[in-house]
Amino acid sequence: MMRKSKQPVQNTPLPPILDVYVAEIPQNTKLGKVYPKERQKAIEDCGSEKVQRERYYVWKLLEYALKQSLGLKFKKVKFEESANGKWRCDACWFSLSHSKNAAAVAVSRKTVGVDIELYKPERMSGFAPRILNEKEKAAFDDVPEAEQNAFLMQKWTEKESIYKCLDVPRCSAMSMDTTATKTFTSFVKVGGEKFLLSVASDCGEIPNYYEQIDLSNI
């Protein structure tokens, strides 16, 4: 009697994810402990109370994001810090950023980087030679003066998000090509202030944005 051959198992690809979470950092709350202990130590070793608060709450926002986007139990995930200072885990790709009173987290099934920066309306044209490559400088020269700050800050946040996405040693901003990795940039409001947010990823999806998350209850 001939045995029937087993049919190969068909692995259904998981749907792509590119979720971005933005929240205001609470200023008058007591900081607790976070998982894992290596992250807790990194927070405690920081000399600035302000940065401790930022690092604590961006990590709490990550806990919220992993549960909402992937249904992950935070303490079941294994975390580590790369040689370049980027935190990563065994369950997905994620990226962290904070600026003043704002925290941002990006979650994806592919490499991802996020950067959020407080928007500065004052003139920053002297910043251009430090971050723009030759092609970007030519484009900058054609931008109306009233729009130059937005152009510079967009390029800066794009390059920061790409740097985090690639997880490479720190390099000159001028050497980074913002056309090599897909980026998405937008203005967001946090605590009544204006921020510029950039996300870099090769997942091929348009980001889903989730804002006004109450971190004091996470």
N, C-alpha and C. Protein backbone atom coordinates (compact mmCIF):
# COMPACT_ATOMS: atom_id res chain seq x y z
N MET A 1 0.85 -1.20 0.00
CA MET A 1 0.00 0.00 0.00
C MET A 1 0.89 1.25 0.00
N MET A 2 0.66 2.12 -0.96
CA MET A 2 1.46 3.34 -1.06
C MET A 2 0.97 4.39 -0.07
N ARG A 3 1.94 5.03 0.57
CA ARG A 3 1.59 6.13 1.46
C ARG A 3 1.45 7.44 0.69
N LYS A 4 0.51 8.21 1.11
CA LYS A 4 0.34 9.52 0.49
C LYS A 4 1.46 10.44 0.95
N SER A 5 2.04 11.13 0.02
CA SER A 5 3.10 12.07 0.37
C SER A 5 2.51 13.28 1.08
N LYS A 6 3.26 13.77 2.05
CA LYS A 6 2.80 14.95 2.77
C LYS A 6 2.90 16.19 1.91
N GLN A 7 1.88 17.01 2.00
CA GLN A 7 1.89 18.27 1.27
C GLN A 7 2.79 19.27 1.99
N PRO A 8 3.57 20.02 1.25
CA PRO A 8 4.43 21.01 1.92
C PRO A 8 3.60 22.05 2.65
N VAL A 9 4.09 22.46 3.80
CA VAL A 9 3.38 23.47 4.60
C VAL A 9 3.54 24.82 3.93
N GLN A 10 2.41 25.49 3.73
CA GLN A 10 2.42 26.81 3.12
C GLN A 10 2.48 27.88 4.21
N ASN A 11 3.58 28.58 4.28
CA ASN A 11 3.72 29.64 5.28
C ASN A 11 3.15 30.94 4.73
N THR A 12 2.08 31.41 5.34
CA THR A 12 1.45 32.65 4.91
C THR A 12 2.27 33.83 5.41
N PRO A 13 2.71 34.70 4.52
CA PRO A 13 3.51 35.85 4.96
C PRO A 13 2.71 36.73 5.92
N LEU A 14 3.37 37.21 6.94
CA LEU A 14 2.72 38.12 7.87
C LEU A 14 2.51 39.47 7.20
N PRO A 15 1.39 40.12 7.48
CA PRO A 15 1.14 41.43 6.85
C PRO A 15 2.17 42.46 7.30
N PRO A 16 2.56 43.36 6.41
CA PRO A 16 3.53 44.40 6.79
C PRO A 16 2.93 45.35 7.82
N ILE A 17 3.78 45.90 8.65
CA ILE A 17 3.37 46.86 9.68
C ILE A 17 4.33 48.03 9.69
N LEU A 18 3.80 49.24 9.74
CA LEU A 18 4.61 50.42 9.98
C LEU A 18 3.75 51.38 10.80
N ASP A 19 3.84 51.23 12.12
CA ASP A 19 3.03 52.00 13.05
C ASP A 19 3.92 52.98 13.81
N VAL A 20 3.44 54.21 13.95
CA VAL A 20 4.19 55.25 14.65
C VAL A 20 3.32 55.82 15.78
N TYR A 21 3.88 55.84 16.98
CA TYR A 21 3.17 56.32 18.16
C TYR A 21 3.85 57.58 18.68
N VAL A 22 3.04 58.59 18.98
CA VAL A 22 3.57 59.87 19.48
C VAL A 22 2.81 60.25 20.74
N ALA A 23 3.55 60.69 21.76
CA ALA A 23 2.90 61.03 23.03
C ALA A 23 3.66 62.15 23.73
N GLU A 24 2.95 62.85 24.60
CA GLU A 24 3.57 63.86 25.44
C GLU A 24 4.17 63.20 26.67
N ILE A 25 5.38 63.61 27.06
CA ILE A 25 6.06 63.05 28.22
C ILE A 25 5.54 63.73 29.49
N PRO A 26 4.99 62.96 30.43
CA PRO A 26 4.52 63.56 31.69
C PRO A 26 5.68 64.19 32.46
N GLN A 27 5.41 65.31 33.12
CA GLN A 27 6.48 66.05 33.80
C GLN A 27 6.40 65.98 35.31
N ASN A 28 5.29 65.58 35.88
CA ASN A 28 5.13 65.61 37.34
C ASN A 28 4.73 64.26 37.89
N THR A 29 5.34 63.20 37.37
CA THR A 29 5.04 61.85 37.82
C THR A 29 6.32 61.20 38.35
N LYS A 30 6.14 60.20 39.19
CA LYS A 30 7.28 59.46 39.73
C LYS A 30 7.65 58.36 38.75
N LEU A 31 8.93 58.22 38.46
CA LEU A 31 9.38 57.19 37.53
C LEU A 31 9.44 55.84 38.26
N GLY A 32 8.96 54.81 37.57
CA GLY A 32 9.02 53.48 38.13
C GLY A 32 10.22 52.71 37.58
N LYS A 33 10.09 51.40 37.56
CA LYS A 33 11.13 50.52 37.02
C LYS A 33 10.67 49.99 35.67
N VAL A 34 11.63 49.71 34.79
CA VAL A 34 11.29 49.16 33.49
C VAL A 34 11.98 47.83 33.27
N TYR A 35 11.45 47.06 32.35
CA TYR A 35 12.04 45.81 31.89
C TYR A 35 12.69 46.08 30.53
N PRO A 36 13.88 45.48 30.30
CA PRO A 36 14.70 44.62 31.15
C PRO A 36 15.61 45.45 32.06
N LYS A 37 16.37 44.74 32.88
CA LYS A 37 17.23 45.43 33.85
C LYS A 37 18.32 46.24 33.16
N GLU A 38 18.74 45.83 31.94
CA GLU A 38 19.76 46.57 31.21
C GLU A 38 19.26 47.95 30.81
N ARG A 39 17.99 48.03 30.43
CA ARG A 39 17.40 49.33 30.10
C ARG A 39 17.24 50.18 31.35
N GLN A 40 16.84 49.56 32.44
CA GLN A 40 16.71 50.29 33.69
C GLN A 40 18.04 50.88 34.10
N LYS A 41 19.11 50.12 33.96
CA LYS A 41 20.44 50.60 34.31
C LYS A 41 20.85 51.77 33.41
N ALA A 42 20.53 51.66 32.11
CA ALA A 42 20.86 52.73 31.17
C ALA A 42 20.15 54.03 31.55
N ILE A 43 18.94 53.91 32.06
CA ILE A 43 18.20 55.09 32.50
C ILE A 43 18.83 55.67 33.77
N GLU A 44 19.12 54.80 34.71
CA GLU A 44 19.69 55.25 35.99
C GLU A 44 21.08 55.86 35.83
N ASP A 45 21.85 55.36 34.87
CA ASP A 45 23.21 55.85 34.67
C ASP A 45 23.27 57.22 34.01
N CYS A 46 22.13 57.67 33.49
CA CYS A 46 22.09 58.98 32.85
C CYS A 46 22.07 60.07 33.93
N GLY A 47 23.00 61.02 33.85
CA GLY A 47 23.12 62.04 34.89
C GLY A 47 22.02 63.08 34.88
N SER A 48 21.37 63.29 33.74
CA SER A 48 20.34 64.31 33.62
C SER A 48 18.97 63.75 33.99
N GLU A 49 18.28 64.39 34.95
CA GLU A 49 16.94 63.95 35.32
C GLU A 49 15.97 64.11 34.16
N LYS A 50 16.18 65.14 33.37
CA LYS A 50 15.33 65.37 32.20
C LYS A 50 15.45 64.22 31.21
N VAL A 51 16.67 63.81 30.90
CA VAL A 51 16.89 62.72 29.94
C VAL A 51 16.43 61.39 30.53
N GLN A 52 16.60 61.21 31.83
CA GLN A 52 16.08 60.00 32.47
C GLN A 52 14.58 59.88 32.23
N ARG A 53 13.88 60.99 32.43
CA ARG A 53 12.42 61.00 32.22
C ARG A 53 12.08 60.70 30.77
N GLU A 54 12.82 61.28 29.84
CA GLU A 54 12.56 61.04 28.42
C GLU A 54 12.79 59.58 28.06
N ARG A 55 13.90 59.01 28.55
CA ARG A 55 14.22 57.62 28.23
C ARG A 55 13.24 56.64 28.88
N TYR A 56 12.81 57.00 30.06
CA TYR A 56 11.83 56.15 30.75
C TYR A 56 10.51 56.12 29.97
N TYR A 57 9.99 57.29 29.62
CA TYR A 57 8.67 57.34 29.01
C TYR A 57 8.66 56.90 27.54
N VAL A 58 9.77 57.07 26.83
CA VAL A 58 9.78 56.55 25.47
C VAL A 58 9.78 55.02 25.51
N TRP A 59 10.37 54.45 26.56
CA TRP A 59 10.35 52.99 26.73
C TRP A 59 8.95 52.51 27.11
N LYS A 60 8.25 53.29 27.93
CA LYS A 60 6.86 52.95 28.27
C LYS A 60 5.97 53.05 27.03
N LEU A 61 6.27 54.01 26.18
CA LEU A 61 5.52 54.13 24.92
C LEU A 61 5.79 52.92 24.03
N LEU A 62 7.03 52.42 24.04
CA LEU A 62 7.35 51.20 23.28
C LEU A 62 6.53 50.02 23.81
N GLU A 63 6.43 49.91 25.12
CA GLU A 63 5.62 48.82 25.71
C GLU A 63 4.19 48.88 25.19
N TYR A 64 3.64 50.08 25.17
CA TYR A 64 2.27 50.27 24.65
C TYR A 64 2.20 49.91 23.17
N ALA A 65 3.19 50.35 22.39
CA ALA A 65 3.18 50.13 20.94
C ALA A 65 3.27 48.65 20.58
N LEU A 66 4.13 47.91 21.26
CA LEU A 66 4.28 46.49 20.95
C LEU A 66 3.00 45.71 21.26
N LYS A 67 2.31 46.12 22.31
CA LYS A 67 1.05 45.46 22.64
C LYS A 67 -0.03 45.79 21.62
N GLN A 68 -0.12 47.08 21.24
CA GLN A 68 -1.17 47.51 20.32
C GLN A 68 -0.95 46.99 18.90
N SER A 69 0.29 47.04 18.41
CA SER A 69 0.57 46.68 17.02
C SER A 69 0.73 45.18 16.80
N LEU A 70 1.33 44.49 17.80
CA LEU A 70 1.66 43.08 17.61
C LEU A 70 1.12 42.16 18.69
N GLY A 71 0.43 42.72 19.67
CA GLY A 71 -0.13 41.89 20.73
C GLY A 71 0.92 41.24 21.60
N LEU A 72 2.09 41.86 21.73
CA LEU A 72 3.20 41.26 22.46
C LEU A 72 3.15 41.60 23.95
N LYS A 73 3.44 40.61 24.77
CA LYS A 73 3.62 40.84 26.19
C LYS A 73 5.07 41.29 26.40
N PHE A 74 5.22 42.46 26.97
CA PHE A 74 6.52 43.11 27.02
C PHE A 74 7.60 42.24 27.66
N LYS A 75 7.28 41.58 28.76
CA LYS A 75 8.29 40.80 29.49
C LYS A 75 8.59 39.45 28.84
N LYS A 76 7.91 39.15 27.74
CA LYS A 76 8.21 37.94 26.97
C LYS A 76 9.18 38.25 25.82
N VAL A 77 9.47 39.52 25.63
CA VAL A 77 10.34 39.96 24.53
C VAL A 77 11.77 40.08 25.04
N LYS A 78 12.74 39.65 24.25
CA LYS A 78 14.15 39.76 24.62
C LYS A 78 14.76 41.00 23.98
N PHE A 79 15.33 41.88 24.80
CA PHE A 79 15.91 43.13 24.32
C PHE A 79 17.43 43.12 24.48
N GLU A 80 18.09 43.88 23.62
CA GLU A 80 19.52 44.10 23.75
C GLU A 80 19.88 45.43 23.10
N GLU A 81 21.03 45.97 23.49
CA GLU A 81 21.53 47.21 22.90
C GLU A 81 22.66 46.88 21.95
N SER A 82 22.58 47.39 20.72
CA SER A 82 23.61 47.10 19.72
C SER A 82 24.89 47.86 20.03
N ALA A 83 25.95 47.50 19.31
CA ALA A 83 27.23 48.18 19.50
C ALA A 83 27.15 49.66 19.15
N ASN A 84 26.16 50.03 18.34
CA ASN A 84 25.99 51.43 17.94
C ASN A 84 25.00 52.17 18.83
N GLY A 85 24.56 51.51 19.91
CA GLY A 85 23.68 52.17 20.87
C GLY A 85 22.21 52.09 20.54
N LYS A 86 21.85 51.26 19.56
CA LYS A 86 20.44 51.14 19.20
C LYS A 86 19.84 49.93 19.92
N TRP A 87 18.69 50.13 20.55
CA TRP A 87 18.00 49.03 21.21
C TRP A 87 17.21 48.22 20.19
N ARG A 88 17.19 46.91 20.35
CA ARG A 88 16.48 46.03 19.44
C ARG A 88 15.93 44.83 20.21
N CYS A 89 15.08 44.05 19.55
CA CYS A 89 14.49 42.89 20.22
C CYS A 89 14.35 41.74 19.25
N ASP A 90 13.91 40.58 19.76
CA ASP A 90 13.81 39.38 18.95
C ASP A 90 12.45 39.22 18.29
N ALA A 91 11.51 40.15 18.53
CA ALA A 91 10.14 39.98 18.05
C ALA A 91 9.80 40.84 16.83
N CYS A 92 10.49 41.95 16.64
CA CYS A 92 10.19 42.87 15.55
C CYS A 92 11.31 43.90 15.49
N TRP A 93 11.11 44.90 14.61
CA TRP A 93 12.02 46.04 14.56
C TRP A 93 11.30 47.24 15.18
N PHE A 94 12.05 48.06 15.89
CA PHE A 94 11.46 49.26 16.46
C PHE A 94 12.52 50.35 16.53
N SER A 95 12.06 51.59 16.73
CA SER A 95 12.96 52.72 16.86
C SER A 95 12.37 53.72 17.84
N LEU A 96 13.24 54.43 18.56
CA LEU A 96 12.82 55.36 19.60
C LEU A 96 13.37 56.76 19.33
N SER A 97 12.61 57.77 19.75
CA SER A 97 13.10 59.15 19.65
C SER A 97 12.37 60.00 20.68
N HIS A 98 13.05 61.02 21.18
CA HIS A 98 12.40 61.97 22.08
C HIS A 98 13.04 63.33 21.92
N SER A 99 12.23 64.37 22.12
CA SER A 99 12.68 65.74 21.98
C SER A 99 11.81 66.61 22.87
N LYS A 100 12.44 67.30 23.82
CA LYS A 100 11.73 68.15 24.78
C LYS A 100 10.63 67.36 25.47
N ASN A 101 9.36 67.67 25.22
CA ASN A 101 8.27 66.99 25.91
C ASN A 101 7.58 65.95 25.03
N ALA A 102 8.22 65.52 23.93
CA ALA A 102 7.61 64.59 23.00
C ALA A 102 8.39 63.29 22.90
N ALA A 103 7.66 62.18 22.80
CA ALA A 103 8.26 60.86 22.60
C ALA A 103 7.64 60.24 21.35
N ALA A 104 8.46 59.50 20.60
CA ALA A 104 7.97 58.83 19.40
C ALA A 104 8.56 57.43 19.31
N VAL A 105 7.73 56.48 18.89
CA VAL A 105 8.16 55.09 18.70
C VAL A 105 7.61 54.59 17.37
N ALA A 106 8.45 53.93 16.60
CA ALA A 106 8.03 53.29 15.35
C ALA A 106 8.20 51.79 15.50
N VAL A 107 7.23 51.02 15.01
CA VAL A 107 7.24 49.56 15.08
C VAL A 107 7.00 49.00 13.69
N SER A 108 7.80 47.98 13.32
CA SER A 108 7.65 47.39 12.00
C SER A 108 8.15 45.95 12.01
N ARG A 109 7.81 45.20 10.98
CA ARG A 109 8.37 43.86 10.80
C ARG A 109 9.64 43.90 9.96
N LYS A 110 10.01 45.12 9.52
CA LYS A 110 11.27 45.32 8.81
C LYS A 110 12.02 46.48 9.46
N THR A 111 13.24 46.67 9.05
CA THR A 111 14.05 47.71 9.69
C THR A 111 13.34 49.06 9.63
N VAL A 112 13.49 49.84 10.70
CA VAL A 112 12.76 51.10 10.79
C VAL A 112 13.57 52.08 11.65
N GLY A 113 13.42 53.35 11.37
CA GLY A 113 14.04 54.40 12.18
C GLY A 113 13.07 55.56 12.30
N VAL A 114 13.09 56.24 13.46
CA VAL A 114 12.19 57.38 13.66
C VAL A 114 12.97 58.50 14.35
N ASP A 115 12.62 59.74 14.01
CA ASP A 115 13.22 60.89 14.67
C ASP A 115 12.16 61.98 14.82
N ILE A 116 12.09 62.56 16.02
CA ILE A 116 11.18 63.68 16.26
C ILE A 116 11.99 64.83 16.82
N GLU A 117 11.74 66.03 16.31
CA GLU A 117 12.50 67.22 16.72
C GLU A 117 11.54 68.40 16.87
N LEU A 118 11.76 69.17 17.93
CA LEU A 118 10.99 70.40 18.12
C LEU A 118 11.28 71.34 16.96
N TYR A 119 10.22 71.85 16.34
CA TYR A 119 10.40 72.74 15.19
C TYR A 119 10.86 74.12 15.66
N LYS A 120 11.93 74.60 15.06
CA LYS A 120 12.50 75.91 15.42
C LYS A 120 12.27 76.89 14.28
N PRO A 121 11.43 77.89 14.49
CA PRO A 121 11.10 78.82 13.41
C PRO A 121 12.20 79.82 13.09
N GLU A 122 13.19 79.99 14.00
CA GLU A 122 14.23 80.98 13.74
C GLU A 122 15.13 80.53 12.59
N ARG A 123 15.79 81.49 11.98
CA ARG A 123 16.62 81.23 10.80
C ARG A 123 17.79 80.30 11.15
N MET A 124 17.97 79.25 10.33
CA MET A 124 19.01 78.24 10.57
C MET A 124 19.89 78.01 9.34
N SER A 125 19.95 78.97 8.44
CA SER A 125 20.66 78.76 7.18
C SER A 125 22.13 78.40 7.40
N GLY A 126 22.74 78.87 8.52
CA GLY A 126 24.13 78.53 8.80
C GLY A 126 24.32 77.06 9.10
N PHE A 127 23.21 76.35 9.35
CA PHE A 127 23.25 74.92 9.63
C PHE A 127 23.40 74.11 8.35
N ALA A 128 23.04 74.71 7.22
CA ALA A 128 23.00 74.00 5.94
C ALA A 128 24.33 73.35 5.55
N PRO A 129 25.47 74.07 5.62
CA PRO A 129 26.74 73.45 5.20
C PRO A 129 27.15 72.24 6.03
N ARG A 130 26.58 72.11 7.22
CA ARG A 130 26.97 71.01 8.12
C ARG A 130 26.19 69.73 7.87
N ILE A 131 25.03 69.83 7.20
CA ILE A 131 24.20 68.62 7.04
C ILE A 131 23.84 68.27 5.60
N LEU A 132 23.94 69.22 4.68
CA LEU A 132 23.49 68.97 3.32
C LEU A 132 24.63 68.52 2.41
N ASN A 133 24.34 67.53 1.55
CA ASN A 133 25.31 67.17 0.52
C ASN A 133 25.15 68.12 -0.66
N GLU A 134 25.95 67.94 -1.68
CA GLU A 134 25.96 68.91 -2.79
C GLU A 134 24.61 68.99 -3.49
N LYS A 135 23.97 67.86 -3.71
CA LYS A 135 22.67 67.85 -4.38
C LYS A 135 21.62 68.56 -3.52
N GLU A 136 21.66 68.32 -2.21
CA GLU A 136 20.70 68.95 -1.30
C GLU A 136 20.95 70.45 -1.17
N LYS A 137 22.24 70.86 -1.23
CA LYS A 137 22.56 72.29 -1.17
C LYS A 137 21.99 73.02 -2.38
N ALA A 138 22.06 72.38 -3.54
CA ALA A 138 21.51 72.99 -4.76
C ALA A 138 20.00 73.16 -4.63
N ALA A 139 19.34 72.14 -4.06
CA ALA A 139 17.89 72.23 -3.86
C ALA A 139 17.55 73.29 -2.82
N PHE A 140 18.37 73.39 -1.77
CA PHE A 140 18.15 74.37 -0.70
C PHE A 140 18.23 75.79 -1.25
N ASP A 141 19.15 76.05 -2.16
CA ASP A 141 19.32 77.39 -2.73
C ASP A 141 18.09 77.83 -3.51
N ASP A 142 17.29 76.86 -3.98
CA ASP A 142 16.08 77.19 -4.75
C ASP A 142 14.84 77.32 -3.88
N VAL A 143 14.98 77.03 -2.60
CA VAL A 143 13.84 77.10 -1.69
C VAL A 143 13.63 78.54 -1.23
N PRO A 144 12.38 79.04 -1.25
CA PRO A 144 12.12 80.40 -0.74
C PRO A 144 12.60 80.53 0.70
N GLU A 145 13.10 81.71 1.06
CA GLU A 145 13.69 81.92 2.38
C GLU A 145 12.73 81.53 3.50
N ALA A 146 11.44 81.81 3.32
CA ALA A 146 10.46 81.51 4.37
C ALA A 146 10.30 80.02 4.61
N GLU A 147 10.75 79.19 3.65
CA GLU A 147 10.58 77.74 3.76
C GLU A 147 11.90 77.01 4.03
N GLN A 148 12.98 77.75 4.17
CA GLN A 148 14.29 77.12 4.31
C GLN A 148 14.46 76.37 5.63
N ASN A 149 13.92 76.92 6.73
CA ASN A 149 14.04 76.22 8.01
C ASN A 149 13.35 74.87 7.97
N ALA A 150 12.15 74.83 7.38
CA ALA A 150 11.42 73.57 7.28
C ALA A 150 12.19 72.57 6.43
N PHE A 151 12.82 73.06 5.36
CA PHE A 151 13.62 72.19 4.49
C PHE A 151 14.79 71.59 5.26
N LEU A 152 15.51 72.44 6.01
CA LEU A 152 16.67 71.97 6.77
C LEU A 152 16.28 70.98 7.85
N MET A 153 15.21 71.28 8.58
CA MET A 153 14.80 70.38 9.64
C MET A 153 14.27 69.07 9.09
N GLN A 154 13.63 69.12 7.93
CA GLN A 154 13.16 67.89 7.30
C GLN A 154 14.35 67.00 6.93
N LYS A 155 15.38 67.61 6.32
CA LYS A 155 16.56 66.84 5.95
C LYS A 155 17.25 66.26 7.19
N TRP A 156 17.30 67.06 8.27
CA TRP A 156 17.95 66.58 9.48
C TRP A 156 17.21 65.38 10.07
N THR A 157 15.88 65.49 10.20
CA THR A 157 15.11 64.39 10.78
C THR A 157 15.12 63.18 9.85
N GLU A 158 15.10 63.40 8.55
CA GLU A 158 15.20 62.28 7.61
C GLU A 158 16.51 61.53 7.82
N LYS A 159 17.60 62.26 7.93
CA LYS A 159 18.92 61.63 8.07
C LYS A 159 19.05 60.91 9.41
N GLU A 160 18.49 61.50 10.45
CA GLU A 160 18.51 60.83 11.75
C GLU A 160 17.70 59.54 11.71
N SER A 161 16.54 59.57 11.07
CA SER A 161 15.71 58.36 10.98
C SER A 161 16.39 57.28 10.14
N ILE A 162 17.07 57.70 9.06
CA ILE A 162 17.80 56.73 8.23
C ILE A 162 18.96 56.12 9.00
N TYR A 163 19.70 56.95 9.73
CA TYR A 163 20.81 56.47 10.56
C TYR A 163 20.32 55.40 11.53
N LYS A 164 19.18 55.65 12.19
CA LYS A 164 18.63 54.69 13.14
C LYS A 164 18.13 53.43 12.43
N CYS A 165 17.58 53.60 11.24
CA CYS A 165 17.08 52.45 10.48
C CYS A 165 18.22 51.51 10.09
N LEU A 166 19.35 52.08 9.68
CA LEU A 166 20.48 51.28 9.21
C LEU A 166 21.29 50.68 10.36
N ASP A 167 21.22 51.31 11.55
CA ASP A 167 21.99 50.85 12.71
C ASP A 167 23.48 50.72 12.37
N VAL A 168 24.05 51.82 11.94
CA VAL A 168 25.47 51.87 11.56
C VAL A 168 26.21 52.83 12.49
N PRO A 169 27.54 52.78 12.51
CA PRO A 169 28.28 53.75 13.32
C PRO A 169 27.96 55.17 12.88
N ARG A 170 28.01 56.10 13.83
CA ARG A 170 27.71 57.50 13.54
C ARG A 170 28.60 58.03 12.43
N CYS A 171 28.00 58.70 11.47
CA CYS A 171 28.74 59.24 10.33
C CYS A 171 28.30 60.68 10.08
N SER A 172 28.99 61.36 9.20
CA SER A 172 28.65 62.73 8.87
C SER A 172 27.29 62.81 8.19
N ALA A 173 26.48 63.79 8.61
CA ALA A 173 25.17 63.96 7.99
C ALA A 173 25.30 64.27 6.50
N MET A 174 26.37 64.96 6.12
CA MET A 174 26.56 65.31 4.71
C MET A 174 26.76 64.08 3.84
N SER A 175 27.26 62.99 4.44
CA SER A 175 27.53 61.79 3.65
C SER A 175 26.29 60.92 3.44
N MET A 176 25.19 61.25 4.10
CA MET A 176 23.99 60.42 4.02
C MET A 176 23.12 60.83 2.84
N ASP A 177 22.63 59.83 2.13
CA ASP A 177 21.79 60.04 0.96
C ASP A 177 20.33 59.80 1.35
N THR A 178 19.53 60.85 1.38
CA THR A 178 18.13 60.72 1.81
C THR A 178 17.25 60.08 0.76
N THR A 179 17.79 59.81 -0.43
CA THR A 179 16.99 59.15 -1.46
C THR A 179 17.20 57.63 -1.46
N ALA A 180 18.15 57.14 -0.66
CA ALA A 180 18.48 55.72 -0.66
C ALA A 180 17.48 54.89 0.14
N THR A 181 16.82 55.50 1.12
CA THR A 181 15.84 54.82 1.97
C THR A 181 14.55 55.62 1.97
N LYS A 182 13.42 54.93 1.86
CA LYS A 182 12.13 55.62 1.85
C LYS A 182 11.86 56.28 3.19
N THR A 183 11.52 57.56 3.16
CA THR A 183 11.21 58.29 4.39
C THR A 183 9.86 58.99 4.27
N PHE A 184 9.21 59.18 5.41
CA PHE A 184 7.95 59.90 5.50
C PHE A 184 8.12 60.98 6.57
N THR A 185 7.78 62.21 6.24
CA THR A 185 7.96 63.33 7.17
C THR A 185 6.67 64.12 7.30
N SER A 186 6.35 64.51 8.53
CA SER A 186 5.14 65.30 8.77
C SER A 186 5.31 66.15 10.01
N PHE A 187 4.50 67.19 10.12
CA PHE A 187 4.44 67.99 11.33
C PHE A 187 3.42 67.38 12.28
N VAL A 188 3.74 67.38 13.58
CA VAL A 188 2.81 66.89 14.59
C VAL A 188 2.77 67.89 15.73
N LYS A 189 1.66 67.92 16.45
CA LYS A 189 1.51 68.78 17.62
C LYS A 189 1.56 67.92 18.88
N VAL A 190 2.41 68.31 19.81
CA VAL A 190 2.53 67.61 21.10
C VAL A 190 2.56 68.67 22.20
N GLY A 191 1.63 68.60 23.12
CA GLY A 191 1.59 69.57 24.21
C GLY A 191 1.49 71.00 23.73
N GLY A 192 0.81 71.22 22.62
CA GLY A 192 0.64 72.57 22.09
C GLY A 192 1.82 73.08 21.29
N GLU A 193 2.89 72.28 21.14
CA GLU A 193 4.06 72.71 20.39
C GLU A 193 4.20 71.91 19.10
N LYS A 194 4.91 72.49 18.16
CA LYS A 194 5.05 71.91 16.83
C LYS A 194 6.35 71.13 16.71
N PHE A 195 6.24 69.89 16.22
CA PHE A 195 7.40 69.02 16.04
C PHE A 195 7.42 68.50 14.61
N LEU A 196 8.63 68.17 14.16
CA LEU A 196 8.79 67.53 12.86
C LEU A 196 9.15 66.07 13.10
N LEU A 197 8.44 65.17 12.44
CA LEU A 197 8.59 63.73 12.65
C LEU A 197 8.94 63.05 11.33
N SER A 198 10.03 62.27 11.33
CA SER A 198 10.42 61.50 10.13
C SER A 198 10.52 60.03 10.47
N VAL A 199 10.08 59.20 9.53
CA VAL A 199 10.15 57.74 9.67
C VAL A 199 10.83 57.18 8.44
N ALA A 200 11.81 56.30 8.65
CA ALA A 200 12.50 55.64 7.54
C ALA A 200 12.28 54.14 7.65
N SER A 201 11.91 53.51 6.53
CA SER A 201 11.69 52.06 6.54
C SER A 201 11.68 51.53 5.12
N ASP A 202 12.01 50.25 4.98
CA ASP A 202 11.95 49.62 3.67
C ASP A 202 10.77 48.65 3.59
N CYS A 203 9.77 48.82 4.47
CA CYS A 203 8.65 47.87 4.47
C CYS A 203 7.66 48.13 3.35
N GLY A 204 7.72 49.31 2.72
CA GLY A 204 6.84 49.58 1.58
C GLY A 204 5.46 50.07 1.95
N GLU A 205 5.22 50.33 3.19
CA GLU A 205 3.90 50.79 3.65
C GLU A 205 3.94 52.26 4.05
N ILE A 206 2.79 52.92 3.95
CA ILE A 206 2.63 54.27 4.48
C ILE A 206 2.39 54.14 5.99
N PRO A 207 3.05 54.93 6.82
CA PRO A 207 2.90 54.78 8.28
C PRO A 207 1.47 55.04 8.75
N ASN A 208 1.09 54.30 9.78
CA ASN A 208 -0.12 54.59 10.54
C ASN A 208 0.31 55.38 11.77
N TYR A 209 -0.34 56.51 12.03
CA TYR A 209 0.06 57.37 13.14
C TYR A 209 -0.97 57.29 14.26
N TYR A 210 -0.47 57.17 15.50
CA TYR A 210 -1.32 57.13 16.69
C TYR A 210 -0.80 58.19 17.66
N GLU A 211 -1.65 59.15 18.00
CA GLU A 211 -1.22 60.28 18.80
C GLU A 211 -2.08 60.44 20.05
N GLN A 212 -1.69 61.41 20.89
CA GLN A 212 -2.42 61.76 22.11
C GLN A 212 -2.59 60.55 23.04
N ILE A 213 -1.54 59.78 23.21
CA ILE A 213 -1.53 58.64 24.11
C ILE A 213 -1.14 59.11 25.51
N ASP A 214 -1.91 58.70 26.51
CA ASP A 214 -1.66 59.13 27.89
C ASP A 214 -0.63 58.21 28.54
N LEU A 215 0.62 58.65 28.58
CA LEU A 215 1.68 57.81 29.12
C LEU A 215 1.62 57.67 30.63
N SER A 216 0.93 58.56 31.31
CA SER A 216 0.84 58.47 32.77
C SER A 216 0.05 57.26 33.23
N ASN A 217 -0.71 56.64 32.30
CA ASN A 217 -1.53 55.48 32.65
C ASN A 217 -0.97 54.17 32.12
N ILE A 218 0.26 54.19 31.61
CA ILE A 218 0.86 52.97 31.05
C ILE A 218 1.86 52.40 32.06
